[in-house]
Amino acid sequence: MPPRFETARFHVETGPGNLFTRVRHILSEPIRLKAHGAHVTERLRQQGTPLETLTRFDPECWELVSAEVRTDTGKWVKSTWRVRADGRDWWVVIGLGNSLVTVIDVDPRCWGRGEDIVTEGSLYAQVDTVNAELMRGV
């Protein structure tokens, strides 16, 4: 089944700044992430994840890595955060509605700066503008 919409990924180190300001605004408080769906629960079980820790999001202790947006609207749909738990580094992908999209056990040296990261161009400018406008409405 094809995705409902196309997405693009941006890294916190390369911006756009307004997108990451918006993500931090949306996820500014500690929350309990909702882990539901077959993919998430199976992945958590297979990896022996510390579920209790990885579903207790705290922006003071977790580090923002990247954010994905809809390419048609420029609006945020999910973000990846790094957290250390049980002696391992984890990327936790958080989607709309405080949902836990996936969890990845990562090498501590991995920072998600791959080729698929958008760093410039018209989409970059659109995402920056859209998120600046959304923040003005807050």
Protein backbone atom coordinates (compact mmCIF):
# COMPACT_ATOMS: atom_id res chain seq x y z
CA MET A 1 0.00 0.00 0.00
CA PRO A 2 1.59 3.31 -1.07
CA PRO A 3 1.96 6.12 1.47
CA ARG A 4 -0.85 8.65 1.65
CA PHE A 5 1.60 11.49 0.99
CA GLU A 6 5.28 12.07 0.20
CA THR A 7 7.62 13.17 2.97
CA ALA A 8 11.05 14.77 3.17
CA ARG A 9 13.54 14.63 6.03
CA PHE A 10 15.52 17.50 7.55
CA HIS A 11 18.36 17.29 10.08
CA VAL A 12 18.46 19.50 13.18
CA GLU A 13 22.01 20.68 12.35
CA THR A 14 21.14 21.91 8.85
CA GLY A 15 17.62 23.25 9.39
CA PRO A 16 15.40 24.91 8.44
CA GLY A 17 15.35 26.57 11.83
CA ASN A 18 11.62 27.34 11.87
CA LEU A 19 10.78 23.66 11.39
CA PHE A 20 12.79 22.65 14.45
CA THR A 21 11.41 25.53 16.49
CA ARG A 22 7.94 24.21 15.61
CA VAL A 23 8.78 20.59 16.49
CA ARG A 24 10.22 21.67 19.84
CA HIS A 25 7.10 23.75 20.46
CA ILE A 26 4.76 20.83 19.68
CA LEU A 27 6.81 18.41 21.80
CA SER A 28 7.76 20.80 24.59
CA GLU A 29 6.36 18.85 27.55
CA PRO A 30 7.02 15.37 28.93
CA ILE A 31 4.40 12.97 27.56
CA ARG A 32 3.58 9.30 27.46
CA LEU A 33 3.99 8.03 23.89
CA LYS A 34 1.33 5.71 22.53
CA ALA A 35 2.86 2.46 21.31
CA HIS A 36 0.22 0.73 19.23
CA GLY A 37 0.13 -1.03 15.92
CA ALA A 38 1.66 -4.35 14.89
CA HIS A 39 4.88 -2.89 13.46
CA VAL A 40 5.79 -0.95 16.59
CA THR A 41 4.88 -3.58 19.15
CA GLU A 42 6.66 -6.34 17.20
CA ARG A 43 9.79 -4.25 16.77
CA LEU A 44 9.83 -3.35 20.45
CA ARG A 45 9.50 -7.01 21.39
CA GLN A 46 12.18 -8.21 18.93
CA GLN A 47 14.73 -5.66 20.08
CA GLY A 48 14.17 -6.18 23.76
CA THR A 49 13.56 -2.47 24.14
CA PRO A 50 13.14 -0.79 27.51
CA LEU A 51 9.53 0.03 26.70
CA GLU A 52 8.84 1.90 29.93
CA THR A 53 11.73 4.31 29.26
CA LEU A 54 11.15 4.71 25.52
CA THR A 55 7.50 5.63 25.90
CA ARG A 56 8.18 8.33 28.51
CA PHE A 57 9.24 11.22 26.29
CA ASP A 58 11.02 14.10 28.01
CA PRO A 59 12.34 16.90 25.79
CA GLU A 60 14.77 17.94 28.54
CA CYS A 61 16.54 14.57 28.40
CA TRP A 62 16.00 13.54 24.76
CA GLU A 63 17.91 15.03 21.83
CA LEU A 64 16.16 16.03 18.61
CA VAL A 65 17.84 14.49 15.54
CA SER A 66 15.56 15.03 12.54
CA ALA A 67 12.07 15.90 11.38
CA GLU A 68 9.94 14.80 8.45
CA VAL A 69 7.35 16.93 6.72
CA ARG A 70 4.71 16.46 4.08
CA THR A 71 6.17 17.68 0.80
CA ASP A 72 2.80 19.10 -0.31
CA THR A 73 2.19 21.22 2.81
CA GLY A 74 5.61 21.57 4.49
CA LYS A 75 4.03 20.58 7.82
CA TRP A 76 5.66 18.28 10.37
CA VAL A 77 4.47 14.66 10.51
CA LYS A 78 7.17 12.92 12.58
CA SER A 79 10.47 13.51 14.31
CA THR A 80 13.36 11.39 15.48
CA TRP A 81 14.83 11.81 18.95
CA ARG A 82 17.90 10.19 20.53
CA VAL A 83 17.76 8.83 24.06
CA ARG A 84 20.10 6.61 26.04
CA ALA A 85 18.42 3.75 27.92
CA ASP A 86 19.70 0.50 29.38
CA GLY A 87 23.24 1.32 28.22
CA ARG A 88 22.21 1.68 24.56
CA ASP A 89 21.44 4.57 22.24
CA TRP A 90 17.97 4.62 20.70
CA TRP A 91 16.30 6.65 18.02
CA VAL A 92 12.63 7.04 18.83
CA VAL A 93 10.42 8.26 16.00
CA ILE A 94 7.41 10.22 17.24
CA GLY A 95 4.47 10.90 14.96
CA LEU A 96 1.33 12.96 15.15
CA GLY A 97 -0.84 12.40 18.20
CA ASN A 98 2.17 11.47 20.35
CA SER A 99 2.41 8.10 18.65
CA LEU A 100 5.52 5.97 18.77
CA VAL A 101 6.19 5.23 15.08
CA THR A 102 9.32 3.11 15.50
CA VAL A 103 12.35 2.52 17.70
CA ILE A 104 15.85 1.90 16.38
CA ASP A 105 18.85 0.69 18.37
CA VAL A 106 21.68 2.83 16.94
CA ASP A 107 25.43 3.12 17.13
CA PRO A 108 26.35 6.03 19.43
CA ARG A 109 28.36 7.57 16.54
CA CYS A 110 25.37 7.61 14.18
CA TRP A 111 23.72 11.02 13.81
CA GLY A 112 21.39 10.62 10.83
CA ARG A 113 23.15 12.86 8.34
CA GLY A 114 22.46 10.62 5.33
CA GLU A 115 21.96 11.46 1.69
CA ASP A 116 18.19 11.74 2.05
CA ILE A 117 18.45 14.87 4.24
CA VAL A 118 17.20 18.02 2.50
CA THR A 119 19.63 20.91 3.08
CA GLU A 120 18.63 23.49 0.46
CA GLY A 121 16.30 24.30 -2.41
CA SER A 122 12.69 25.30 -2.93
CA LEU A 123 11.24 22.68 -0.55
CA TYR A 124 13.66 23.80 2.17
CA ALA A 125 12.52 27.43 1.71
CA GLN A 126 8.83 26.39 1.65
CA VAL A 127 9.19 24.38 4.88
CA ASP A 128 10.94 27.28 6.60
CA THR A 129 8.23 29.74 5.52
CA VAL A 130 5.29 27.47 6.38
CA ASN A 131 6.64 26.74 9.84
CA ALA A 132 7.44 30.41 10.52
CA GLU A 133 3.81 31.22 9.69
CA LEU A 134 2.55 28.43 11.95
CA MET A 135 4.66 29.71 14.83
CA ARG A 136 3.29 33.25 14.35
CA GLY A 137 -0.17 31.78 14.93
CA VAL A 138 0.81 30.28 18.29
